[in-house]
Amino acid sequence: MKIIILIIFLVLCYIFWQKQELKKFKVTNYSVTSAKLKAPVKLLLVSDYHCHPYGKGNERLIAAVKKERPDLILVPGDMIVSAYTDQYPVALAFFRELSKVAPVYFSNGNHESRVELPESQYYETYLAYRREVEKLGVRILNNQSEPVEVNGNILYLYGVDIPLSCYTKGKIVSLPEHYMEKVFAGKANKNEFTVLLAHNPMFSEDYAAWGADLIVSGHTHGGLIRIPYIGSIMSPQFELFPKYDAGQFQIGKSTAIVSRGLGTHTFHIRIFDRAELTVIHLQP
């Protein structure tokens, strides 16, 4: 009987701990240097929000964004949970606050790509939501690029929207051959500093080979469950101990930064894997 009571107590403690953990996030800072830069640039990476507010009216997260005073805000997908259309206004409200702080650039995650298909039952609802996002001035870069002048630098921002087959669970699917070159009509701009918004970090080596100077990703949620000093146990594709799970990685001349994201869906757990708002300091 005592053992049963102890087990119940431990389970209740775990549930309480997880509920509290999902209310917390941290600010993580990374630094990237390049001879292509003339002056510092501060980027804010917001990934995998999934309509998960922090505090009443999302006030704690918005306050943290404002405190950082970034030059640009990059959102590499999954602001929503595709099927929860009643929560789309939460994502829209966050976009509205972000757009007041700095120019916002967005590219699809798998949740947006899924509902952008005309055959999706949520297609019309999503299109209405996306139109409202665009009205805020948010630049949507799905397989598109845009030069941006900031602090005397010219940054080339690219956003890649990969096939949904590349998100298949339980199976490792390669990025189609020469996919990056095909969607962007060639390699990345070599003369200016290039930033690629790419939701799925699994293909970071493909992105690096294409020529991105900086790759910003999310998708993994940090793996949800992490082992200290080792990393995440499993990727969303059910790959054990994935290489590009969270943090900063050097791939040849390219730097990849993978955010742990801000929200969750389906499995609402974070064990040794606190949500994060990511700040990237670009230095000449």
C-alpha atoms as a PDB file:
ATOM      1  CA  MET A   1       0.000   0.000   0.000  1.00  0.00           C
ATOM      2  CA  LYS A   2       2.835   2.393   0.872  1.00  0.00           C
ATOM      3  CA  ILE A   3       4.463   1.713  -2.490  1.00  0.00           C
ATOM      4  CA  ILE A   4       1.224   2.548  -4.342  1.00  0.00           C
ATOM      5  CA  ILE A   5       0.841   5.794  -2.385  1.00  0.00           C
ATOM      6  CA  LEU A   6       4.472   6.674  -3.149  1.00  0.00           C
ATOM      7  CA  ILE A   7       3.977   6.010  -6.874  1.00  0.00           C
ATOM      8  CA  ILE A   8       0.811   8.134  -6.948  1.00  0.00           C
ATOM      9  CA  PHE A   9       2.636  10.922  -5.110  1.00  0.00           C
ATOM     10  CA  LEU A  10       5.548  10.828  -7.557  1.00  0.00           C
ATOM     11  CA  VAL A  11       3.194  10.859 -10.558  1.00  0.00           C
ATOM     12  CA  LEU A  12       1.353  13.879  -9.148  1.00  0.00           C
ATOM     13  CA  CYS A  13       4.676  15.640  -8.501  1.00  0.00           C
ATOM     14  CA  TYR A  14       5.736  14.959 -12.093  1.00  0.00           C
ATOM     15  CA  ILE A  15       2.444  16.295 -13.509  1.00  0.00           C
ATOM     16  CA  PHE A  16       2.743  19.460 -11.410  1.00  0.00           C
ATOM     17  CA  TRP A  17       6.406  19.910 -12.445  1.00  0.00           C
ATOM     18  CA  GLN A  18       5.572  19.537 -16.129  1.00  0.00           C
ATOM     19  CA  LYS A  19       2.705  22.029 -15.920  1.00  0.00           C
ATOM     20  CA  GLN A  20       5.071  24.535 -14.366  1.00  0.00           C
ATOM     21  CA  GLU A  21       7.880  23.753 -16.822  1.00  0.00           C
ATOM     22  CA  LEU A  22       5.620  24.442 -19.811  1.00  0.00           C
ATOM     23  CA  LYS A  23       5.025  27.946 -18.449  1.00  0.00           C
ATOM     24  CA  LYS A  24       8.734  28.793 -18.586  1.00  0.00           C
ATOM     25  CA  PHE A  25      11.160  29.809 -21.316  1.00  0.00           C
ATOM     26  CA  LYS A  26      14.707  31.128 -21.433  1.00  0.00           C
ATOM     27  CA  VAL A  27      16.613  33.494 -23.690  1.00  0.00           C
ATOM     28  CA  THR A  28      19.580  31.854 -25.419  1.00  0.00           C
ATOM     29  CA  ASN A  29      22.346  33.881 -27.094  1.00  0.00           C
ATOM     30  CA  TYR A  30      24.607  32.824 -29.970  1.00  0.00           C
ATOM     31  CA  SER A  31      27.316  34.693 -31.865  1.00  0.00           C
ATOM     32  CA  VAL A  32      28.217  34.351 -35.542  1.00  0.00           C
ATOM     33  CA  THR A  33      31.079  36.202 -37.252  1.00  0.00           C
ATOM     34  CA  SER A  34      31.611  36.841 -40.960  1.00  0.00           C
ATOM     35  CA  ALA A  35      33.909  38.927 -43.120  1.00  0.00           C
ATOM     36  CA  LYS A  36      30.832  39.732 -45.239  1.00  0.00           C
ATOM     37  CA  LEU A  37      29.429  41.902 -42.443  1.00  0.00           C
ATOM     38  CA  LYS A  38      30.359  45.561 -41.943  1.00  0.00           C
ATOM     39  CA  ALA A  39      28.525  46.144 -38.659  1.00  0.00           C
ATOM     40  CA  PRO A  40      26.768  44.122 -35.946  1.00  0.00           C
ATOM     41  CA  VAL A  41      23.227  42.857 -36.512  1.00  0.00           C
ATOM     42  CA  LYS A  42      20.936  41.404 -33.870  1.00  0.00           C
ATOM     43  CA  LEU A  43      18.514  38.698 -34.987  1.00  0.00           C
ATOM     44  CA  LEU A  44      15.689  37.234 -32.921  1.00  0.00           C
ATOM     45  CA  LEU A  45      14.713  33.658 -33.762  1.00  0.00           C
ATOM     46  CA  VAL A  46      11.127  32.719 -32.882  1.00  0.00           C
ATOM     47  CA  SER A  47      10.306  29.111 -33.712  1.00  0.00           C
ATOM     48  CA  ASP A  48       7.537  26.586 -33.066  1.00  0.00           C
ATOM     49  CA  TYR A  49       5.274  28.918 -31.123  1.00  0.00           C
ATOM     50  CA  HIS A  50       2.268  26.635 -31.680  1.00  0.00           C
ATOM     51  CA  CYS A  51      -0.112  29.203 -30.155  1.00  0.00           C
ATOM     52  CA  HIS A  52       1.418  28.723 -26.709  1.00  0.00           C
ATOM     53  CA  PRO A  53       1.116  32.005 -24.745  1.00  0.00           C
ATOM     54  CA  TYR A  54       3.221  32.863 -21.714  1.00  0.00           C
ATOM     55  CA  GLY A  55       1.180  34.786 -19.173  1.00  0.00           C
ATOM     56  CA  LYS A  56      -2.062  36.673 -19.681  1.00  0.00           C
ATOM     57  CA  GLY A  57      -2.127  38.061 -23.196  1.00  0.00           C
ATOM     58  CA  ASN A  58       1.302  36.493 -23.781  1.00  0.00           C
ATOM     59  CA  GLU A  59       2.716  39.412 -21.790  1.00  0.00           C
ATOM     60  CA  ARG A  60       5.876  37.679 -20.509  1.00  0.00           C
ATOM     61  CA  LEU A  61       7.000  36.556 -23.958  1.00  0.00           C
ATOM     62  CA  ILE A  62       6.183  39.898 -25.580  1.00  0.00           C
ATOM     63  CA  ALA A  63       8.109  41.719 -22.855  1.00  0.00           C
ATOM     64  CA  ALA A  64      11.147  39.503 -23.484  1.00  0.00           C
ATOM     65  CA  VAL A  65      10.978  40.214 -27.228  1.00  0.00           C
ATOM     66  CA  LYS A  66      10.807  43.976 -26.642  1.00  0.00           C
ATOM     67  CA  LYS A  67      13.695  43.852 -24.186  1.00  0.00           C
ATOM     68  CA  GLU A  68      16.010  42.326 -26.805  1.00  0.00           C
ATOM     69  CA  ARG A  69      15.374  45.144 -29.342  1.00  0.00           C
ATOM     70  CA  PRO A  70      16.375  43.045 -32.379  1.00  0.00           C
ATOM     71  CA  ASP A  71      17.070  44.446 -35.844  1.00  0.00           C
ATOM     72  CA  LEU A  72      15.145  41.619 -37.516  1.00  0.00           C
ATOM     73  CA  ILE A  73      12.835  38.846 -36.311  1.00  0.00           C
ATOM     74  CA  LEU A  74      13.035  35.483 -38.095  1.00  0.00           C
ATOM     75  CA  VAL A  75      10.241  32.919 -37.778  1.00  0.00           C
ATOM     76  CA  PRO A  76      11.078  29.571 -39.442  1.00  0.00           C
ATOM     77  CA  GLY A  77       7.635  28.029 -39.172  1.00  0.00           C
ATOM     78  CA  ASP A  78       5.050  26.369 -36.973  1.00  0.00           C
ATOM     79  CA  MET A  79       3.418  29.401 -35.426  1.00  0.00           C
ATOM     80  CA  ILE A  80       0.213  27.331 -35.398  1.00  0.00           C
ATOM     81  CA  VAL A  81      -0.992  23.785 -34.829  1.00  0.00           C
ATOM     82  CA  SER A  82      -2.584  23.040 -38.178  1.00  0.00           C
ATOM     83  CA  ALA A  83      -5.812  21.412 -36.973  1.00  0.00           C
ATOM     84  CA  TYR A  84      -6.530  23.853 -34.131  1.00  0.00           C
ATOM     85  CA  THR A  85      -8.033  26.619 -36.245  1.00  0.00           C
ATOM     86  CA  ASP A  86      -9.713  28.197 -33.219  1.00  0.00           C
ATOM     87  CA  GLN A  87      -6.194  29.037 -31.974  1.00  0.00           C
ATOM     88  CA  TYR A  88      -5.053  30.805 -35.146  1.00  0.00           C
ATOM     89  CA  PRO A  89      -5.998  34.210 -33.622  1.00  0.00           C
ATOM     90  CA  VAL A  90      -3.439  33.557 -30.849  1.00  0.00           C
ATOM     91  CA  ALA A  91      -0.674  33.243 -33.438  1.00  0.00           C
ATOM     92  CA  LEU A  92      -1.987  36.291 -35.292  1.00  0.00           C
ATOM     93  CA  ALA A  93      -1.925  38.345 -32.080  1.00  0.00           C
ATOM     94  CA  PHE A  94       1.701  37.339 -31.472  1.00  0.00           C
ATOM     95  CA  PHE A  95       2.623  38.266 -35.048  1.00  0.00           C
ATOM     96  CA  ARG A  96       0.984  41.649 -34.441  1.00  0.00           C
ATOM     97  CA  GLU A  97       3.184  42.298 -31.404  1.00  0.00           C
ATOM     98  CA  LEU A  98       6.323  41.045 -33.152  1.00  0.00           C
ATOM     99  CA  SER A  99       5.724  43.369 -36.110  1.00  0.00           C
ATOM    100  CA  LYS A 100       5.690  46.350 -33.723  1.00  0.00           C
ATOM    101  CA  VAL A 101       9.221  45.527 -32.561  1.00  0.00           C
ATOM    102  CA  ALA A 102      11.121  44.867 -35.819  1.00  0.00           C
ATOM    103  CA  PRO A 103      10.616  43.670 -39.407  1.00  0.00           C
ATOM    104  CA  VAL A 104       9.375  40.059 -39.353  1.00  0.00           C
ATOM    105  CA  TYR A 105      10.304  37.375 -41.893  1.00  0.00           C
ATOM    106  CA  PHE A 106       8.492  34.049 -41.936  1.00  0.00           C
ATOM    107  CA  SER A 107       8.718  30.751 -43.790  1.00  0.00           C
ATOM    108  CA  ASN A 108       6.495  27.694 -43.492  1.00  0.00           C
ATOM    109  CA  GLY A 109       6.872  24.875 -41.040  1.00  0.00           C
ATOM    110  CA  ASN A 110       5.179  21.541 -41.616  1.00  0.00           C
ATOM    111  CA  HIS A 111       2.018  22.755 -39.871  1.00  0.00           C
ATOM    112  CA  GLU A 112       1.616  25.648 -42.313  1.00  0.00           C
ATOM    113  CA  SER A 113       2.606  23.568 -45.362  1.00  0.00           C
ATOM    114  CA  ARG A 114       0.006  20.974 -44.450  1.00  0.00           C
ATOM    115  CA  VAL A 115      -2.929  23.404 -44.396  1.00  0.00           C
ATOM    116  CA  GLU A 116      -1.760  25.299 -47.483  1.00  0.00           C
ATOM    117  CA  LEU A 117      -2.719  22.297 -49.587  1.00  0.00           C
ATOM    118  CA  PRO A 118      -6.046  22.975 -51.373  1.00  0.00           C
ATOM    119  CA  GLU A 119      -7.295  19.533 -50.352  1.00  0.00           C
ATOM    120  CA  SER A 120      -6.862  20.367 -46.647  1.00  0.00           C
ATOM    121  CA  GLN A 121     -10.138  20.790 -44.772  1.00  0.00           C
ATOM    122  CA  TYR A 122      -8.574  23.836 -43.099  1.00  0.00           C
ATOM    123  CA  TYR A 123      -7.385  25.440 -46.349  1.00  0.00           C
ATOM    124  CA  GLU A 124      -9.818  28.371 -46.505  1.00  0.00           C
ATOM    125  CA  THR A 125      -9.444  29.140 -42.794  1.00  0.00           C
ATOM    126  CA  TYR A 126      -5.674  29.142 -43.114  1.00  0.00           C
ATOM    127  CA  LEU A 127      -5.707  31.402 -46.177  1.00  0.00           C
ATOM    128  CA  ALA A 128      -7.848  33.927 -44.286  1.00  0.00           C
ATOM    129  CA  TYR A 129      -5.380  33.795 -41.379  1.00  0.00           C
ATOM    130  CA  ARG A 130      -2.379  34.199 -43.699  1.00  0.00           C
ATOM    131  CA  ARG A 131      -3.927  37.241 -45.374  1.00  0.00           C
ATOM    132  CA  GLU A 132      -4.249  38.884 -41.955  1.00  0.00           C
ATOM    133  CA  VAL A 133      -0.606  38.033 -41.199  1.00  0.00           C
ATOM    134  CA  GLU A 134       0.487  39.667 -44.458  1.00  0.00           C
ATOM    135  CA  LYS A 135      -1.553  42.784 -43.654  1.00  0.00           C
ATOM    136  CA  LEU A 136       0.676  43.244 -40.596  1.00  0.00           C
ATOM    137  CA  GLY A 137       3.667  43.622 -42.908  1.00  0.00           C
ATOM    138  CA  VAL A 138       5.108  40.178 -42.183  1.00  0.00           C
ATOM    139  CA  ARG A 139       7.190  39.037 -45.160  1.00  0.00           C
ATOM    140  CA  ILE A 140       6.450  35.423 -46.092  1.00  0.00           C
ATOM    141  CA  LEU A 141       9.414  33.784 -47.798  1.00  0.00           C
ATOM    142  CA  ASN A 142       8.315  30.383 -49.064  1.00  0.00           C
ATOM    143  CA  ASN A 143      10.952  29.343 -51.596  1.00  0.00           C
ATOM    144  CA  GLN A 144      11.659  33.035 -52.109  1.00  0.00           C
ATOM    145  CA  SER A 145      14.454  35.423 -51.222  1.00  0.00           C
ATOM    146  CA  GLU A 146      14.694  39.094 -50.358  1.00  0.00           C
ATOM    147  CA  PRO A 147      17.658  41.434 -49.830  1.00  0.00           C
ATOM    148  CA  VAL A 148      17.415  43.460 -46.622  1.00  0.00           C
ATOM    149  CA  GLU A 149      19.542  46.448 -45.693  1.00  0.00           C
ATOM    150  CA  VAL A 150      20.283  46.633 -41.978  1.00  0.00           C
ATOM    151  CA  ASN A 151      22.970  48.632 -40.169  1.00  0.00           C
ATOM    152  CA  GLY A 152      24.899  49.204 -43.388  1.00  0.00           C
ATOM    153  CA  ASN A 153      24.851  45.517 -44.321  1.00  0.00           C
ATOM    154  CA  ILE A 154      22.964  43.791 -47.106  1.00  0.00           C
ATOM    155  CA  LEU A 155      21.571  40.473 -45.872  1.00  0.00           C
ATOM    156  CA  TYR A 156      19.987  38.055 -48.311  1.00  0.00           C
ATOM    157  CA  LEU A 157      17.136  36.276 -46.573  1.00  0.00           C
ATOM    158  CA  TYR A 158      15.853  33.002 -48.017  1.00  0.00           C
ATOM    159  CA  GLY A 159      12.960  30.872 -46.824  1.00  0.00           C
ATOM    160  CA  VAL A 160      12.694  27.256 -47.927  1.00  0.00           C
ATOM    161  CA  ASP A 161       9.441  25.278 -47.884  1.00  0.00           C
ATOM    162  CA  ILE A 162      10.406  21.617 -48.227  1.00  0.00           C
ATOM    163  CA  PRO A 163       8.095  18.792 -49.380  1.00  0.00           C
ATOM    164  CA  LEU A 164       5.816  17.341 -46.685  1.00  0.00           C
ATOM    165  CA  SER A 165       7.269  13.907 -47.456  1.00  0.00           C
ATOM    166  CA  CYS A 166      10.468  15.114 -45.760  1.00  0.00           C
ATOM    167  CA  TYR A 167       8.564  15.132 -42.456  1.00  0.00           C
ATOM    168  CA  THR A 168       7.534  11.464 -42.662  1.00  0.00           C
ATOM    169  CA  LYS A 169       7.575   9.851 -39.226  1.00  0.00           C
ATOM    170  CA  GLY A 170       9.422   6.610 -38.707  1.00  0.00           C
ATOM    171  CA  LYS A 171      11.308   6.941 -41.980  1.00  0.00           C
ATOM    172  CA  ILE A 172      14.338   8.968 -43.020  1.00  0.00           C
ATOM    173  CA  VAL A 173      13.487  10.700 -46.293  1.00  0.00           C
ATOM    174  CA  SER A 174      16.151  12.638 -48.177  1.00  0.00           C
ATOM    175  CA  LEU A 175      15.635  16.100 -49.563  1.00  0.00           C
ATOM    176  CA  PRO A 176      14.977  15.752 -53.325  1.00  0.00           C
ATOM    177  CA  GLU A 177      18.173  15.971 -55.369  1.00  0.00           C
ATOM    178  CA  HIS A 178      19.222  19.562 -56.151  1.00  0.00           C
ATOM    179  CA  TYR A 179      16.069  20.814 -54.407  1.00  0.00           C
ATOM    180  CA  MET A 180      17.654  24.017 -53.120  1.00  0.00           C
ATOM    181  CA  GLU A 181      19.136  24.905 -56.509  1.00  0.00           C
ATOM    182  CA  LYS A 182      15.813  24.271 -58.215  1.00  0.00           C
ATOM    183  CA  VAL A 183      13.606  26.377 -55.938  1.00  0.00           C
ATOM    184  CA  PHE A 184      16.076  29.269 -55.771  1.00  0.00           C
ATOM    185  CA  ALA A 185      17.326  29.031 -59.373  1.00  0.00           C
ATOM    186  CA  GLY A 186      20.903  28.385 -58.348  1.00  0.00           C
ATOM    187  CA  LYS A 187      23.202  28.652 -55.370  1.00  0.00           C
ATOM    188  CA  ALA A 188      22.989  31.164 -52.524  1.00  0.00           C
ATOM    189  CA  ASN A 189      24.299  34.673 -53.098  1.00  0.00           C
ATOM    190  CA  LYS A 190      28.059  34.484 -52.514  1.00  0.00           C
ATOM    191  CA  ASN A 191      28.733  38.208 -52.272  1.00  0.00           C
ATOM    192  CA  GLU A 192      26.456  39.088 -49.353  1.00  0.00           C
ATOM    193  CA  PHE A 193      25.737  37.404 -46.024  1.00  0.00           C
ATOM    194  CA  THR A 194      22.919  34.904 -46.576  1.00  0.00           C
ATOM    195  CA  VAL A 195      20.429  33.694 -43.973  1.00  0.00           C
ATOM    196  CA  LEU A 196      18.224  30.685 -44.677  1.00  0.00           C
ATOM    197  CA  LEU A 197      14.987  30.088 -42.777  1.00  0.00           C
ATOM    198  CA  ALA A 198      14.590  26.297 -42.930  1.00  0.00           C
ATOM    199  CA  HIS A 199      12.125  24.706 -40.541  1.00  0.00           C
ATOM    200  CA  ASN A 200      13.533  21.169 -40.546  1.00  0.00           C
ATOM    201  CA  PRO A 201      17.200  21.011 -39.431  1.00  0.00           C
ATOM    202  CA  MET A 202      17.577  17.394 -40.563  1.00  0.00           C
ATOM    203  CA  PHE A 203      18.802  18.672 -43.928  1.00  0.00           C
ATOM    204  CA  SER A 204      21.288  21.199 -42.564  1.00  0.00           C
ATOM    205  CA  GLU A 205      24.139  19.687 -44.556  1.00  0.00           C
ATOM    206  CA  ASP A 206      22.145  20.149 -47.776  1.00  0.00           C
ATOM    207  CA  TYR A 207      21.463  23.762 -46.830  1.00  0.00           C
ATOM    208  CA  ALA A 208      25.163  24.305 -46.101  1.00  0.00           C
ATOM    209  CA  ALA A 209      26.229  22.715 -49.395  1.00  0.00           C
ATOM    210  CA  TRP A 210      23.833  25.093 -51.169  1.00  0.00           C
ATOM    211  CA  GLY A 211      25.810  27.992 -49.709  1.00  0.00           C
ATOM    212  CA  ALA A 212      23.892  29.501 -46.770  1.00  0.00           C
ATOM    213  CA  ASP A 213      26.088  31.437 -44.358  1.00  0.00           C
ATOM    214  CA  LEU A 214      23.565  31.072 -41.532  1.00  0.00           C
ATOM    215  CA  ILE A 215      20.767  28.502 -41.249  1.00  0.00           C
ATOM    216  CA  VAL A 216      18.011  29.023 -38.669  1.00  0.00           C
ATOM    217  CA  SER A 217      15.676  26.143 -37.857  1.00  0.00           C
ATOM    218  CA  GLY A 218      13.299  24.691 -35.284  1.00  0.00           C
ATOM    219  CA  HIS A 219      10.961  21.707 -35.644  1.00  0.00           C
ATOM    220  CA  THR A 220      12.696  19.408 -33.147  1.00  0.00           C
ATOM    221  CA  HIS A 221      11.396  21.189 -30.005  1.00  0.00           C
ATOM    222  CA  GLY A 222      14.815  20.259 -28.652  1.00  0.00           C
ATOM    223  CA  GLY A 223      13.746  16.629 -28.738  1.00  0.00           C
ATOM    224  CA  LEU A 224      11.279  17.164 -25.839  1.00  0.00           C
ATOM    225  CA  ILE A 225      13.309  14.816 -23.645  1.00  0.00           C
ATOM    226  CA  ARG A 226      17.020  15.520 -23.340  1.00  0.00           C
ATOM    227  CA  ILE A 227      19.817  13.755 -21.522  1.00  0.00           C
ATOM    228  CA  PRO A 228      22.245  16.267 -19.970  1.00  0.00           C
ATOM    229  CA  TYR A 229      25.561  16.478 -21.887  1.00  0.00           C
ATOM    230  CA  ILE A 230      24.249  14.055 -24.544  1.00  0.00           C
ATOM    231  CA  GLY A 231      21.261  15.730 -26.205  1.00  0.00           C
ATOM    232  CA  SER A 232      17.809  14.743 -27.343  1.00  0.00           C
ATOM    233  CA  ILE A 233      16.678  11.140 -27.337  1.00  0.00           C
ATOM    234  CA  MET A 234      14.530  11.253 -30.463  1.00  0.00           C
ATOM    235  CA  SER A 235      13.642  13.577 -33.341  1.00  0.00           C
ATOM    236  CA  PRO A 236      10.093  14.198 -34.636  1.00  0.00           C
ATOM    237  CA  GLN A 237      10.971  11.652 -37.363  1.00  0.00           C
ATOM    238  CA  PHE A 238      11.679   9.140 -34.571  1.00  0.00           C
ATOM    239  CA  GLU A 239      15.402   9.241 -35.347  1.00  0.00           C
ATOM    240  CA  LEU A 240      17.374   8.229 -32.260  1.00  0.00           C
ATOM    241  CA  PHE A 241      19.842  10.808 -30.906  1.00  0.00           C
ATOM    242  CA  PRO A 242      19.500  13.204 -33.866  1.00  0.00           C
ATOM    243  CA  LYS A 243      22.589  15.225 -34.756  1.00  0.00           C
ATOM    244  CA  TYR A 244      20.891  18.575 -35.323  1.00  0.00           C
ATOM    245  CA  ASP A 245      18.575  18.703 -32.317  1.00  0.00           C
ATOM    246  CA  ALA A 246      19.242  22.076 -30.675  1.00  0.00           C
ATOM    247  CA  GLY A 247      22.037  24.614 -30.425  1.00  0.00           C
ATOM    248  CA  GLN A 248      24.760  25.905 -32.720  1.00  0.00           C
ATOM    249  CA  PHE A 249      26.574  23.770 -35.299  1.00  0.00           C
ATOM    250  CA  GLN A 250      29.418  24.524 -37.684  1.00  0.00           C
ATOM    251  CA  ILE A 251      29.084  22.805 -41.076  1.00  0.00           C
ATOM    252  CA  GLY A 252      32.056  23.786 -43.196  1.00  0.00           C
ATOM    253  CA  LYS A 253      31.755  27.549 -43.706  1.00  0.00           C
ATOM    254  CA  SER A 254      28.084  27.544 -42.681  1.00  0.00           C
ATOM    255  CA  THR A 255      26.591  27.975 -39.220  1.00  0.00           C
ATOM    256  CA  ALA A 256      23.320  26.264 -38.279  1.00  0.00           C
ATOM    257  CA  ILE A 257      21.322  27.360 -35.241  1.00  0.00           C
ATOM    258  CA  VAL A 258      18.439  25.150 -34.139  1.00  0.00           C
ATOM    259  CA  SER A 259      15.949  26.553 -31.643  1.00  0.00           C
ATOM    260  CA  ARG A 260      14.219  24.404 -29.034  1.00  0.00           C
ATOM    261  CA  GLY A 261      11.081  26.352 -29.859  1.00  0.00           C
ATOM    262  CA  LEU A 262       8.490  27.959 -27.648  1.00  0.00           C
ATOM    263  CA  GLY A 263       5.488  25.642 -27.767  1.00  0.00           C
ATOM    264  CA  THR A 264       4.513  22.005 -27.947  1.00  0.00           C
ATOM    265  CA  HIS A 265       1.787  19.928 -29.522  1.00  0.00           C
ATOM    266  CA  THR A 266       0.572  16.322 -29.245  1.00  0.00           C
ATOM    267  CA  PHE A 267       3.134  15.450 -26.540  1.00  0.00           C
ATOM    268  CA  HIS A 268       3.094  18.307 -24.050  1.00  0.00           C
ATOM    269  CA  ILE A 269       6.310  17.535 -22.210  1.00  0.00           C
ATOM    270  CA  ARG A 270       9.717  19.133 -21.810  1.00  0.00           C
ATOM    271  CA  ILE A 271      12.250  17.225 -19.741  1.00  0.00           C
ATOM    272  CA  PHE A 272      15.624  18.984 -19.331  1.00  0.00           C
ATOM    273  CA  ASP A 273      14.510  20.890 -22.426  1.00  0.00           C
ATOM    274  CA  ARG A 274      13.220  24.344 -21.547  1.00  0.00           C
ATOM    275  CA  ALA A 275      11.540  26.368 -24.288  1.00  0.00           C
ATOM    276  CA  GLU A 276      13.629  29.199 -25.662  1.00  0.00           C
ATOM    277  CA  LEU A 277      13.671  32.539 -27.387  1.00  0.00           C
ATOM    278  CA  THR A 278      16.857  32.653 -29.442  1.00  0.00           C
ATOM    279  CA  VAL A 279      19.052  35.709 -29.996  1.00  0.00           C
ATOM    280  CA  ILE A 280      21.732  35.651 -32.704  1.00  0.00           C
ATOM    281  CA  HIS A 281      24.455  38.295 -32.675  1.00  0.00           C
ATOM    282  CA  LEU A 282      26.013  38.734 -36.119  1.00  0.00           C
ATOM    283  CA  GLN A 283      29.485  40.278 -35.899  1.00  0.00           C
ATOM    284  CA  PRO A 284      31.908  41.458 -38.584  1.00  0.00           C
END
